[in-house]
Amino acid sequence: MSSKSETTTPASASTLKLATLVILWYAGNTFYNVYNKTALNMMAAHWFVASAQLFVGCILSMILWISGIRKVPQLSINDWISCLPIGLFASLAHCGTVLASAVGAVSFAQIVKACEPVFAALVGVMVPPMEVKPILAYIMLIPIVGGVGIACIKEGKGVEINYLAFLYASLANAAAALKGKLGSSTTKSLQSNPNKNMDAANVYAVMNIISFIFTIPFVVFTELSTLSSTWNDAVQVYGGSAIAKNIIVSGLFFYFYNETAFAFTSHVGAVTSSVLNTAKRVIIIVVSAIVFQEAMERNTVIGSAIAIGGTFAYSLTSSPPKKAAAAVASKTKAA
């Protein structure tokens, strides 16, 4: 069943609709990265910026529900509890990406983010139930790691890594892998019950609210004591309206592009979505290099191309062959 859903789409999901979702997804993600980096350059309270972006999405969700534009999710306490792991790891994935972009170049963060399949493969075999990919998929992890390594070699300087940016981006990769592993069964269960009003949009809205709640302790413990002075210092240089505009707009684009990505994935499946998510990184790297004048040396270009190409190949080879999948399914039914 899962392999069939990857190759066919429901009749209601027309080609035009899917193409529109991809365009909106790519545009939203690109604009998000531009406004996000601008906001981070203005204000040094990076946990606060990440949390505020999620809060903007929470307000938008509330408006859509209160106005009746969207149905209000009908979740029990147990449903909310079951969503906590998804929200936690989604929060860490978001904050890790924001912090990586704050302390380093957006392009470097995206190059390291291309290593997400490596973390997904490790989580797949280490966290039960075990998920074993075809051997070719594991082979594709080699160019991913190798490409990131090449991108870190600076001409005439040797290996040069922004270790803090690398650490935060790796945190985002690990969290994203755990979110995908632990959250898929929960979201499918919620979406399968029409009485809960949990379509793709509401699944993301609920996850976004929980993610925001999880960011609050990080802001309190890392930045609250200096938040007022940091804000005042930033206002003196850039002005309060400019800072607020970039935070709010980046939050709107973050919510917008994630919701369109969720909607697209619900129509075509995870593999197709993963392939297009890989291609998206190329656009972000190019745009960020132009907008923020980030240096793109030859090794950076070659390494990122190899890493992204390896991620693309991993996405295509990560699903088991149709015959094997059908055999496993038949054995499961027989059992």
C-alpha atoms as a PDB file:
ATOM      1  CA  MET A   1       0.000   0.000   0.000  1.00  0.00           C
ATOM      2  CA  SER A   2       2.773   2.450   0.927  1.00  0.00           C
ATOM      3  CA  SER A   3       4.664   1.923  -2.329  1.00  0.00           C
ATOM      4  CA  LYS A   4       1.507   2.483  -4.333  1.00  0.00           C
ATOM      5  CA  SER A   5       0.814   5.778  -2.565  1.00  0.00           C
ATOM      6  CA  GLU A   6       4.261   6.958  -3.609  1.00  0.00           C
ATOM      7  CA  THR A   7       3.533   6.551  -7.308  1.00  0.00           C
ATOM      8  CA  THR A   8      -0.102   7.578  -7.517  1.00  0.00           C
ATOM      9  CA  THR A   9      -1.935  10.564  -6.149  1.00  0.00           C
ATOM     10  CA  PRO A  10      -5.620  10.947  -5.285  1.00  0.00           C
ATOM     11  CA  ALA A  11      -7.810  12.293  -8.087  1.00  0.00           C
ATOM     12  CA  SER A  12      -8.448  15.437  -6.066  1.00  0.00           C
ATOM     13  CA  ALA A  13      -4.725  16.203  -5.964  1.00  0.00           C
ATOM     14  CA  SER A  14      -4.348  17.544  -9.485  1.00  0.00           C
ATOM     15  CA  THR A  15      -0.987  18.198 -11.093  1.00  0.00           C
ATOM     16  CA  LEU A  16      -1.659  21.919 -10.984  1.00  0.00           C
ATOM     17  CA  LYS A  17      -2.420  21.777  -7.273  1.00  0.00           C
ATOM     18  CA  LEU A  18       0.769  19.844  -6.525  1.00  0.00           C
ATOM     19  CA  ALA A  19       2.871  22.203  -8.649  1.00  0.00           C
ATOM     20  CA  THR A  20       1.341  25.171  -6.840  1.00  0.00           C
ATOM     21  CA  LEU A  21       2.148  23.613  -3.455  1.00  0.00           C
ATOM     22  CA  VAL A  22       5.771  23.072  -4.477  1.00  0.00           C
ATOM     23  CA  ILE A  23       6.145  26.659  -5.709  1.00  0.00           C
ATOM     24  CA  LEU A  24       4.616  28.035  -2.511  1.00  0.00           C
ATOM     25  CA  TRP A  25       6.759  25.695  -0.405  1.00  0.00           C
ATOM     26  CA  TYR A  26       9.993  26.759  -2.134  1.00  0.00           C
ATOM     27  CA  ALA A  27       9.120  30.469  -2.156  1.00  0.00           C
ATOM     28  CA  GLY A  28       8.042  30.445   1.484  1.00  0.00           C
ATOM     29  CA  ASN A  29      11.183  28.614   2.587  1.00  0.00           C
ATOM     30  CA  THR A  30      13.466  30.944   0.633  1.00  0.00           C
ATOM     31  CA  PHE A  31      11.848  34.103   1.996  1.00  0.00           C
ATOM     32  CA  TYR A  32      11.883  32.612   5.486  1.00  0.00           C
ATOM     33  CA  ASN A  33      15.630  32.077   5.382  1.00  0.00           C
ATOM     34  CA  VAL A  34      16.220  35.634   4.173  1.00  0.00           C
ATOM     35  CA  TYR A  35      14.037  37.279   6.847  1.00  0.00           C
ATOM     36  CA  ASN A  36      15.260  34.847   9.511  1.00  0.00           C
ATOM     37  CA  LYS A  37      18.931  35.623   8.904  1.00  0.00           C
ATOM     38  CA  THR A  38      18.153  39.350   8.797  1.00  0.00           C
ATOM     39  CA  ALA A  39      16.369  39.149  12.158  1.00  0.00           C
ATOM     40  CA  LEU A  40      19.242  37.126  13.660  1.00  0.00           C
ATOM     41  CA  ASN A  41      21.784  39.669  12.417  1.00  0.00           C
ATOM     42  CA  MET A  42      19.793  42.418  14.139  1.00  0.00           C
ATOM     43  CA  MET A  43      19.228  40.738  17.498  1.00  0.00           C
ATOM     44  CA  ALA A  44      21.608  38.466  19.389  1.00  0.00           C
ATOM     45  CA  ALA A  45      18.843  36.692  21.354  1.00  0.00           C
ATOM     46  CA  HIS A  46      18.641  33.733  18.995  1.00  0.00           C
ATOM     47  CA  TRP A  47      16.536  31.404  21.152  1.00  0.00           C
ATOM     48  CA  PHE A  48      14.049  34.232  21.546  1.00  0.00           C
ATOM     49  CA  VAL A  49      13.855  34.775  17.779  1.00  0.00           C
ATOM     50  CA  ALA A  50      13.240  31.052  17.186  1.00  0.00           C
ATOM     51  CA  SER A  51      10.541  30.988  19.871  1.00  0.00           C
ATOM     52  CA  ALA A  52       8.889  34.189  18.612  1.00  0.00           C
ATOM     53  CA  GLN A  53       8.646  32.729  15.100  1.00  0.00           C
ATOM     54  CA  LEU A  54       6.705  29.755  16.455  1.00  0.00           C
ATOM     55  CA  PHE A  55       4.498  32.092  18.509  1.00  0.00           C
ATOM     56  CA  VAL A  56       3.527  33.935  15.316  1.00  0.00           C
ATOM     57  CA  GLY A  57       2.312  30.612  13.924  1.00  0.00           C
ATOM     58  CA  CYS A  58       0.316  29.950  17.098  1.00  0.00           C
ATOM     59  CA  ILE A  59      -1.491  33.287  16.738  1.00  0.00           C
ATOM     60  CA  LEU A  60      -2.239  32.552  13.088  1.00  0.00           C
ATOM     61  CA  SER A  61      -3.688  29.139  13.982  1.00  0.00           C
ATOM     62  CA  MET A  62      -5.914  30.659  16.656  1.00  0.00           C
ATOM     63  CA  ILE A  63      -7.234  33.251  14.200  1.00  0.00           C
ATOM     64  CA  LEU A  64      -8.060  30.561  11.638  1.00  0.00           C
ATOM     65  CA  TRP A  65      -9.860  28.448  14.255  1.00  0.00           C
ATOM     66  CA  ILE A  66     -11.748  31.271  15.993  1.00  0.00           C
ATOM     67  CA  SER A  67     -12.877  32.767  12.683  1.00  0.00           C
ATOM     68  CA  GLY A  68     -14.203  29.404  11.525  1.00  0.00           C
ATOM     69  CA  ILE A  69     -11.972  29.329   8.450  1.00  0.00           C
ATOM     70  CA  ARG A  70     -10.670  26.016   9.738  1.00  0.00           C
ATOM     71  CA  LYS A  71     -12.247  23.433  11.963  1.00  0.00           C
ATOM     72  CA  VAL A  72     -10.982  23.345  15.532  1.00  0.00           C
ATOM     73  CA  PRO A  73      -9.101  20.115  16.376  1.00  0.00           C
ATOM     74  CA  GLN A  74     -11.078  17.877  18.736  1.00  0.00           C
ATOM     75  CA  LEU A  75      -8.304  16.304  20.772  1.00  0.00           C
ATOM     76  CA  SER A  76      -8.434  14.564  24.105  1.00  0.00           C
ATOM     77  CA  ILE A  77      -5.820  14.979  26.820  1.00  0.00           C
ATOM     78  CA  ASN A  78      -4.299  11.672  25.746  1.00  0.00           C
ATOM     79  CA  ASP A  79      -4.099  12.919  22.147  1.00  0.00           C
ATOM     80  CA  TRP A  80      -2.186  16.006  23.258  1.00  0.00           C
ATOM     81  CA  ILE A  81       0.133  13.860  25.360  1.00  0.00           C
ATOM     82  CA  SER A  82       0.798  11.563  22.405  1.00  0.00           C
ATOM     83  CA  CYS A  83       1.837  14.614  20.364  1.00  0.00           C
ATOM     84  CA  LEU A  84       4.385  15.830  22.930  1.00  0.00           C
ATOM     85  CA  PRO A  85       7.379  13.902  21.480  1.00  0.00           C
ATOM     86  CA  ILE A  86       6.605  15.250  18.001  1.00  0.00           C
ATOM     87  CA  GLY A  87       6.414  18.805  19.315  1.00  0.00           C
ATOM     88  CA  LEU A  88       9.599  18.443  21.352  1.00  0.00           C
ATOM     89  CA  PHE A  89      11.722  17.200  18.480  1.00  0.00           C
ATOM     90  CA  ALA A  90      10.114  19.637  16.037  1.00  0.00           C
ATOM     91  CA  SER A  91      11.065  22.410  18.465  1.00  0.00           C
ATOM     92  CA  LEU A  92      14.674  21.230  18.670  1.00  0.00           C
ATOM     93  CA  ALA A  93      14.864  20.835  14.882  1.00  0.00           C
ATOM     94  CA  HIS A  94      13.632  24.389  14.362  1.00  0.00           C
ATOM     95  CA  CYS A  95      15.806  25.949  17.063  1.00  0.00           C
ATOM     96  CA  GLY A  96      18.876  24.013  15.928  1.00  0.00           C
ATOM     97  CA  THR A  97      18.474  25.331  12.388  1.00  0.00           C
ATOM     98  CA  VAL A  98      17.908  28.901  13.578  1.00  0.00           C
ATOM     99  CA  LEU A  99      20.949  28.816  15.870  1.00  0.00           C
ATOM    100  CA  ALA A 100      23.129  27.304  13.137  1.00  0.00           C
ATOM    101  CA  SER A 101      22.131  30.126  10.782  1.00  0.00           C
ATOM    102  CA  ALA A 102      22.731  32.673  13.561  1.00  0.00           C
ATOM    103  CA  VAL A 103      26.321  31.688  14.363  1.00  0.00           C
ATOM    104  CA  GLY A 104      27.343  30.796  10.810  1.00  0.00           C
ATOM    105  CA  ALA A 105      26.427  31.196   7.171  1.00  0.00           C
ATOM    106  CA  VAL A 106      22.988  30.076   5.990  1.00  0.00           C
ATOM    107  CA  SER A 107      24.655  28.183   3.147  1.00  0.00           C
ATOM    108  CA  PHE A 108      26.878  26.235   5.579  1.00  0.00           C
ATOM    109  CA  ALA A 109      23.876  25.345   7.748  1.00  0.00           C
ATOM    110  CA  GLN A 110      22.051  24.021   4.676  1.00  0.00           C
ATOM    111  CA  ILE A 111      25.080  21.988   3.600  1.00  0.00           C
ATOM    112  CA  VAL A 112      25.236  20.313   7.012  1.00  0.00           C
ATOM    113  CA  LYS A 113      21.461  19.861   6.939  1.00  0.00           C
ATOM    114  CA  ALA A 114      21.990  17.742   3.834  1.00  0.00           C
ATOM    115  CA  CYS A 115      23.381  15.133   6.262  1.00  0.00           C
ATOM    116  CA  GLU A 116      19.899  14.554   7.691  1.00  0.00           C
ATOM    117  CA  PRO A 117      19.584  11.130   5.944  1.00  0.00           C
ATOM    118  CA  VAL A 118      22.647   9.941   7.901  1.00  0.00           C
ATOM    119  CA  PHE A 119      20.870  10.694  11.164  1.00  0.00           C
ATOM    120  CA  ALA A 120      17.625   9.218   9.855  1.00  0.00           C
ATOM    121  CA  ALA A 121      19.410   5.989   8.925  1.00  0.00           C
ATOM    122  CA  LEU A 122      21.008   5.732  12.381  1.00  0.00           C
ATOM    123  CA  VAL A 123      17.726   6.450  14.166  1.00  0.00           C
ATOM    124  CA  GLY A 124      16.004   3.907  11.932  1.00  0.00           C
ATOM    125  CA  VAL A 125      18.191   1.041  13.149  1.00  0.00           C
ATOM    126  CA  MET A 126      18.716   2.225  16.745  1.00  0.00           C
ATOM    127  CA  VAL A 127      15.161   3.189  17.739  1.00  0.00           C
ATOM    128  CA  PRO A 128      12.563   0.384  17.655  1.00  0.00           C
ATOM    129  CA  PRO A 129      10.862  -0.742  15.547  1.00  0.00           C
ATOM    130  CA  MET A 130      13.989  -1.218  13.456  1.00  0.00           C
ATOM    131  CA  GLU A 131      13.814   0.075   9.882  1.00  0.00           C
ATOM    132  CA  VAL A 132      16.418  -1.385   7.549  1.00  0.00           C
ATOM    133  CA  LYS A 133      16.935   0.373   4.227  1.00  0.00           C
ATOM    134  CA  PRO A 134      18.176  -1.260   1.004  1.00  0.00           C
ATOM    135  CA  ILE A 135      21.971  -1.572   0.926  1.00  0.00           C
ATOM    136  CA  LEU A 136      22.201   0.941  -1.921  1.00  0.00           C
ATOM    137  CA  ALA A 137      20.625   3.591   0.297  1.00  0.00           C
ATOM    138  CA  TYR A 138      23.338   3.120   2.920  1.00  0.00           C
ATOM    139  CA  ILE A 139      26.007   3.371   0.226  1.00  0.00           C
ATOM    140  CA  MET A 140      24.552   6.761  -0.741  1.00  0.00           C
ATOM    141  CA  LEU A 141      25.404   8.029   2.750  1.00  0.00           C
ATOM    142  CA  ILE A 142      29.102   8.002   1.776  1.00  0.00           C
ATOM    143  CA  PRO A 143      28.909  10.870  -0.745  1.00  0.00           C
ATOM    144  CA  ILE A 144      26.726  12.821   1.693  1.00  0.00           C
ATOM    145  CA  VAL A 145      29.342  12.727   4.444  1.00  0.00           C
ATOM    146  CA  GLY A 146      32.196  13.091   1.964  1.00  0.00           C
ATOM    147  CA  GLY A 147      30.578  16.077   0.289  1.00  0.00           C
ATOM    148  CA  VAL A 148      30.132  17.912   3.581  1.00  0.00           C
ATOM    149  CA  GLY A 149      33.778  17.155   4.383  1.00  0.00           C
ATOM    150  CA  ILE A 150      34.948  18.592   1.057  1.00  0.00           C
ATOM    151  CA  ALA A 151      32.822  21.697   1.597  1.00  0.00           C
ATOM    152  CA  CYS A 152      34.681  22.295   4.870  1.00  0.00           C
ATOM    153  CA  ILE A 153      38.098  22.356   3.172  1.00  0.00           C
ATOM    154  CA  LYS A 154      39.139  25.934   2.441  1.00  0.00           C
ATOM    155  CA  GLU A 155      41.677  26.580  -0.288  1.00  0.00           C
ATOM    156  CA  GLY A 156      45.068  27.327   1.240  1.00  0.00           C
ATOM    157  CA  LYS A 157      43.729  26.889   4.798  1.00  0.00           C
ATOM    158  CA  GLY A 158      42.869  23.213   5.062  1.00  0.00           C
ATOM    159  CA  VAL A 159      39.859  22.039   7.043  1.00  0.00           C
ATOM    160  CA  GLU A 160      37.933  24.976   8.464  1.00  0.00           C
ATOM    161  CA  ILE A 161      34.697  24.260  10.320  1.00  0.00           C
ATOM    162  CA  ASN A 162      32.397  26.533  12.263  1.00  0.00           C
ATOM    163  CA  TYR A 163      32.016  23.950  15.004  1.00  0.00           C
ATOM    164  CA  LEU A 164      29.172  25.718  16.782  1.00  0.00           C
ATOM    165  CA  ALA A 165      27.137  26.032  13.576  1.00  0.00           C
ATOM    166  CA  PHE A 166      27.943  22.399  12.763  1.00  0.00           C
ATOM    167  CA  LEU A 167      26.796  21.322  16.238  1.00  0.00           C
ATOM    168  CA  TYR A 168      23.493  23.200  16.028  1.00  0.00           C
ATOM    169  CA  ALA A 169      22.769  21.937  12.508  1.00  0.00           C
ATOM    170  CA  SER A 170      23.552  18.386  13.628  1.00  0.00           C
ATOM    171  CA  LEU A 171      21.180  18.844  16.573  1.00  0.00           C
ATOM    172  CA  ALA A 172      18.501  19.872  14.069  1.00  0.00           C
ATOM    173  CA  ASN A 173      19.240  16.788  11.954  1.00  0.00           C
ATOM    174  CA  ALA A 174      19.015  14.416  14.921  1.00  0.00           C
ATOM    175  CA  ALA A 175      15.793  16.017  16.162  1.00  0.00           C
ATOM    176  CA  ALA A 176      14.216  15.914  12.706  1.00  0.00           C
ATOM    177  CA  ALA A 177      15.094  12.220  12.382  1.00  0.00           C
ATOM    178  CA  LEU A 178      13.579  11.416  15.792  1.00  0.00           C
ATOM    179  CA  LYS A 179      10.477  13.478  15.000  1.00  0.00           C
ATOM    180  CA  GLY A 180       9.946  11.497  11.805  1.00  0.00           C
ATOM    181  CA  LYS A 181      10.554   8.182  13.532  1.00  0.00           C
ATOM    182  CA  LEU A 182       8.392   8.725  16.596  1.00  0.00           C
ATOM    183  CA  GLY A 183       5.702  10.910  15.090  1.00  0.00           C
ATOM    184  CA  SER A 184       4.554   9.136  11.936  1.00  0.00           C
ATOM    185  CA  SER A 185       2.299   6.592  13.638  1.00  0.00           C
ATOM    186  CA  THR A 186       0.762   9.227  15.913  1.00  0.00           C
ATOM    187  CA  THR A 187      -0.093  11.646  13.126  1.00  0.00           C
ATOM    188  CA  LYS A 188      -1.518   8.874  10.936  1.00  0.00           C
ATOM    189  CA  SER A 189      -3.729   7.728  13.800  1.00  0.00           C
ATOM    190  CA  LEU A 190      -5.041  11.246  14.411  1.00  0.00           C
ATOM    191  CA  GLN A 191      -5.659  11.910  10.722  1.00  0.00           C
ATOM    192  CA  SER A 192      -7.527   8.638  10.282  1.00  0.00           C
ATOM    193  CA  ASN A 193     -10.263   9.749  12.712  1.00  0.00           C
ATOM    194  CA  PRO A 194     -12.482  12.345  10.960  1.00  0.00           C
ATOM    195  CA  ASN A 195     -14.073  13.343  14.273  1.00  0.00           C
ATOM    196  CA  LYS A 196     -10.782  14.864  15.443  1.00  0.00           C
ATOM    197  CA  ASN A 197     -10.558  17.372  12.535  1.00  0.00           C
ATOM    198  CA  MET A 198      -6.866  16.595  12.120  1.00  0.00           C
ATOM    199  CA  ASP A 199      -6.062  17.171   8.481  1.00  0.00           C
ATOM    200  CA  ALA A 200      -2.481  17.994   7.410  1.00  0.00           C
ATOM    201  CA  ALA A 201      -2.917  21.694   8.230  1.00  0.00           C
ATOM    202  CA  ASN A 202      -4.199  21.064  11.745  1.00  0.00           C
ATOM    203  CA  VAL A 203      -1.561  18.417  12.418  1.00  0.00           C
ATOM    204  CA  TYR A 204       1.102  21.016  11.728  1.00  0.00           C
ATOM    205  CA  ALA A 205      -0.768  23.691  13.725  1.00  0.00           C
ATOM    206  CA  VAL A 206      -0.943  21.464  16.806  1.00  0.00           C
ATOM    207  CA  MET A 207       2.701  20.479  16.449  1.00  0.00           C
ATOM    208  CA  ASN A 208       3.668  24.155  16.123  1.00  0.00           C
ATOM    209  CA  ILE A 209       1.844  25.077  19.347  1.00  0.00           C
ATOM    210  CA  ILE A 210       3.565  22.300  21.297  1.00  0.00           C
ATOM    211  CA  SER A 211       6.919  23.272  19.772  1.00  0.00           C
ATOM    212  CA  PHE A 212       6.479  26.849  20.941  1.00  0.00           C
ATOM    213  CA  ILE A 213       5.729  25.707  24.498  1.00  0.00           C
ATOM    214  CA  PHE A 214       8.936  23.640  24.537  1.00  0.00           C
ATOM    215  CA  THR A 215      11.036  26.658  23.487  1.00  0.00           C
ATOM    216  CA  ILE A 216       9.959  28.716  26.506  1.00  0.00           C
ATOM    217  CA  PRO A 217      12.317  26.993  29.027  1.00  0.00           C
ATOM    218  CA  PHE A 218      15.280  27.474  26.663  1.00  0.00           C
ATOM    219  CA  VAL A 219      14.546  31.196  26.353  1.00  0.00           C
ATOM    220  CA  VAL A 220      14.101  31.519  30.129  1.00  0.00           C
ATOM    221  CA  PHE A 221      17.327  29.737  31.055  1.00  0.00           C
ATOM    222  CA  THR A 222      19.589  31.080  28.292  1.00  0.00           C
ATOM    223  CA  GLU A 223      18.435  34.603  27.466  1.00  0.00           C
ATOM    224  CA  LEU A 224      15.738  35.946  29.778  1.00  0.00           C
ATOM    225  CA  SER A 225      18.148  37.707  32.158  1.00  0.00           C
ATOM    226  CA  THR A 226      19.709  39.703  29.302  1.00  0.00           C
ATOM    227  CA  LEU A 227      16.730  39.864  26.921  1.00  0.00           C
ATOM    228  CA  SER A 228      15.695  43.415  27.836  1.00  0.00           C
ATOM    229  CA  SER A 229      19.181  44.865  27.371  1.00  0.00           C
ATOM    230  CA  THR A 230      19.723  42.882  24.172  1.00  0.00           C
ATOM    231  CA  TRP A 231      16.460  44.226  22.760  1.00  0.00           C
ATOM    232  CA  ASN A 232      17.295  47.809  23.742  1.00  0.00           C
ATOM    233  CA  ASP A 233      20.758  47.578  22.182  1.00  0.00           C
ATOM    234  CA  ALA A 234      19.277  46.226  18.951  1.00  0.00           C
ATOM    235  CA  VAL A 235      16.563  48.909  18.888  1.00  0.00           C
ATOM    236  CA  GLN A 236      19.176  51.653  19.154  1.00  0.00           C
ATOM    237  CA  VAL A 237      20.909  50.363  16.027  1.00  0.00           C
ATOM    238  CA  TYR A 238      18.072  49.064  13.840  1.00  0.00           C
ATOM    239  CA  GLY A 239      14.845  50.400  15.371  1.00  0.00           C
ATOM    240  CA  GLY A 240      12.131  48.355  17.055  1.00  0.00           C
ATOM    241  CA  SER A 241       9.770  48.275  14.071  1.00  0.00           C
ATOM    242  CA  ALA A 242      12.423  46.833  11.736  1.00  0.00           C
ATOM    243  CA  ILE A 243      13.331  44.090  14.219  1.00  0.00           C
ATOM    244  CA  ALA A 244       9.684  43.233  14.896  1.00  0.00           C
ATOM    245  CA  LYS A 245       8.906  43.205  11.173  1.00  0.00           C
ATOM    246  CA  ASN A 246      11.655  40.700  10.362  1.00  0.00           C
ATOM    247  CA  ILE A 247      10.726  38.418  13.263  1.00  0.00           C
ATOM    248  CA  ILE A 248       7.000  38.481  12.446  1.00  0.00           C
ATOM    249  CA  VAL A 249       7.460  38.076   8.702  1.00  0.00           C
ATOM    250  CA  SER A 250       9.958  35.245   9.174  1.00  0.00           C
ATOM    251  CA  GLY A 251       7.467  33.573  11.540  1.00  0.00           C
ATOM    252  CA  LEU A 252       4.673  33.886   8.973  1.00  0.00           C
ATOM    253  CA  PHE A 253       6.835  32.456   6.193  1.00  0.00           C
ATOM    254  CA  PHE A 254       8.029  29.644   8.483  1.00  0.00           C
ATOM    255  CA  TYR A 255       4.453  28.629   9.242  1.00  0.00           C
ATOM    256  CA  PHE A 256       3.400  29.080   5.624  1.00  0.00           C
ATOM    257  CA  TYR A 257       6.131  26.978   4.032  1.00  0.00           C
ATOM    258  CA  ASN A 258       5.849  24.171   6.594  1.00  0.00           C
ATOM    259  CA  GLU A 259       2.096  23.954   6.132  1.00  0.00           C
ATOM    260  CA  THR A 260       2.424  23.755   2.347  1.00  0.00           C
ATOM    261  CA  ALA A 261       5.153  21.120   2.743  1.00  0.00           C
ATOM    262  CA  PHE A 262       2.848  19.091   5.019  1.00  0.00           C
ATOM    263  CA  ALA A 263       0.017  19.399   2.495  1.00  0.00           C
ATOM    264  CA  PHE A 264       2.272  18.312  -0.373  1.00  0.00           C
ATOM    265  CA  THR A 265       3.596  15.314   1.556  1.00  0.00           C
ATOM    266  CA  SER A 266       0.065  14.201   2.426  1.00  0.00           C
ATOM    267  CA  HIS A 267      -0.689  13.964  -1.315  1.00  0.00           C
ATOM    268  CA  VAL A 268       2.469  12.371  -2.728  1.00  0.00           C
ATOM    269  CA  GLY A 269       4.169  10.550   0.149  1.00  0.00           C
ATOM    270  CA  ALA A 270       7.464  10.874   1.994  1.00  0.00           C
ATOM    271  CA  VAL A 271       9.898   9.808  -0.750  1.00  0.00           C
ATOM    272  CA  THR A 272       8.765  12.342  -3.352  1.00  0.00           C
ATOM    273  CA  SER A 273       8.651  15.027  -0.673  1.00  0.00           C
ATOM    274  CA  SER A 274      12.169  14.132   0.472  1.00  0.00           C
ATOM    275  CA  VAL A 275      13.523  14.432  -3.082  1.00  0.00           C
ATOM    276  CA  LEU A 276      12.017  17.897  -3.513  1.00  0.00           C
ATOM    277  CA  ASN A 277      13.179  18.920  -0.047  1.00  0.00           C
ATOM    278  CA  THR A 278      16.713  18.130  -1.199  1.00  0.00           C
ATOM    279  CA  ALA A 279      16.357  20.252  -4.316  1.00  0.00           C
ATOM    280  CA  LYS A 280      15.082  23.092  -2.140  1.00  0.00           C
ATOM    281  CA  ARG A 281      18.446  23.356  -0.398  1.00  0.00           C
ATOM    282  CA  VAL A 282      20.138  24.309  -3.668  1.00  0.00           C
ATOM    283  CA  ILE A 283      17.865  27.338  -4.019  1.00  0.00           C
ATOM    284  CA  ILE A 284      18.441  28.421  -0.416  1.00  0.00           C
ATOM    285  CA  ILE A 285      22.230  28.109  -0.717  1.00  0.00           C
ATOM    286  CA  VAL A 286      22.319  30.172  -3.920  1.00  0.00           C
ATOM    287  CA  VAL A 287      19.911  32.858  -2.677  1.00  0.00           C
ATOM    288  CA  SER A 288      21.604  33.221   0.721  1.00  0.00           C
ATOM    289  CA  ALA A 289      25.035  33.457  -0.921  1.00  0.00           C
ATOM    290  CA  ILE A 290      23.761  36.311  -3.098  1.00  0.00           C
ATOM    291  CA  VAL A 291      21.685  38.192  -0.505  1.00  0.00           C
ATOM    292  CA  PHE A 292      24.141  37.941   2.388  1.00  0.00           C
ATOM    293  CA  GLN A 293      27.304  37.839   0.226  1.00  0.00           C
ATOM    294  CA  GLU A 294      28.394  34.527   1.726  1.00  0.00           C
ATOM    295  CA  ALA A 295      31.622  33.230   0.255  1.00  0.00           C
ATOM    296  CA  MET A 296      31.221  30.198  -2.013  1.00  0.00           C
ATOM    297  CA  GLU A 297      34.680  28.809  -2.733  1.00  0.00           C
ATOM    298  CA  ARG A 298      35.266  26.054  -5.252  1.00  0.00           C
ATOM    299  CA  ASN A 299      35.435  23.311  -2.626  1.00  0.00           C
ATOM    300  CA  THR A 300      32.228  24.611  -1.032  1.00  0.00           C
ATOM    301  CA  VAL A 301      30.391  24.400  -4.349  1.00  0.00           C
ATOM    302  CA  ILE A 302      31.792  20.963  -5.215  1.00  0.00           C
ATOM    303  CA  GLY A 303      31.247  19.561  -1.733  1.00  0.00           C
ATOM    304  CA  SER A 304      27.697  20.856  -1.418  1.00  0.00           C
ATOM    305  CA  ALA A 305      26.865  19.497  -4.884  1.00  0.00           C
ATOM    306  CA  ILE A 306      28.175  16.041  -3.918  1.00  0.00           C
ATOM    307  CA  ALA A 307      26.365  16.067  -0.558  1.00  0.00           C
ATOM    308  CA  ILE A 308      23.049  17.223  -2.022  1.00  0.00           C
ATOM    309  CA  GLY A 309      23.421  14.751  -4.895  1.00  0.00           C
ATOM    310  CA  GLY A 310      23.990  11.971  -2.357  1.00  0.00           C
ATOM    311  CA  THR A 311      20.903  13.058  -0.413  1.00  0.00           C
ATOM    312  CA  PHE A 312      18.899  13.032  -3.632  1.00  0.00           C
ATOM    313  CA  ALA A 313      20.104   9.505  -4.430  1.00  0.00           C
ATOM    314  CA  TYR A 314      19.414   8.341  -0.868  1.00  0.00           C
ATOM    315  CA  SER A 315      15.828   9.567  -1.153  1.00  0.00           C
ATOM    316  CA  LEU A 316      15.329   7.606  -4.360  1.00  0.00           C
ATOM    317  CA  THR A 317      16.889   4.385  -3.050  1.00  0.00           C
ATOM    318  CA  SER A 318      15.602   4.412   0.537  1.00  0.00           C
ATOM    319  CA  SER A 319      12.294   2.664  -0.216  1.00  0.00           C
ATOM    320  CA  PRO A 320      12.364  -1.139  -0.487  1.00  0.00           C
ATOM    321  CA  PRO A 321      11.633  -2.668  -3.906  1.00  0.00           C
ATOM    322  CA  LYS A 322       7.929  -3.063  -4.639  1.00  0.00           C
ATOM    323  CA  LYS A 323       8.078  -6.853  -4.800  1.00  0.00           C
ATOM    324  CA  ALA A 324       9.883  -7.075  -1.482  1.00  0.00           C
ATOM    325  CA  ALA A 325       7.461  -4.667   0.132  1.00  0.00           C
ATOM    326  CA  ALA A 326       4.520  -6.655  -1.213  1.00  0.00           C
ATOM    327  CA  ALA A 327       6.017  -9.871   0.129  1.00  0.00           C
ATOM    328  CA  VAL A 328       6.472  -8.352   3.578  1.00  0.00           C
ATOM    329  CA  ALA A 329       2.901  -7.055   3.521  1.00  0.00           C
ATOM    330  CA  SER A 330       1.511 -10.457   2.525  1.00  0.00           C
ATOM    331  CA  LYS A 331       3.444 -12.175   5.303  1.00  0.00           C
ATOM    332  CA  THR A 332       2.146  -9.645   7.816  1.00  0.00           C
ATOM    333  CA  LYS A 333      -1.435 -10.248   6.730  1.00  0.00           C
ATOM    334  CA  ALA A 334      -0.949 -14.018   6.813  1.00  0.00           C
ATOM    335  CA  ALA A 335       0.400 -13.780  10.344  1.00  0.00           C
END
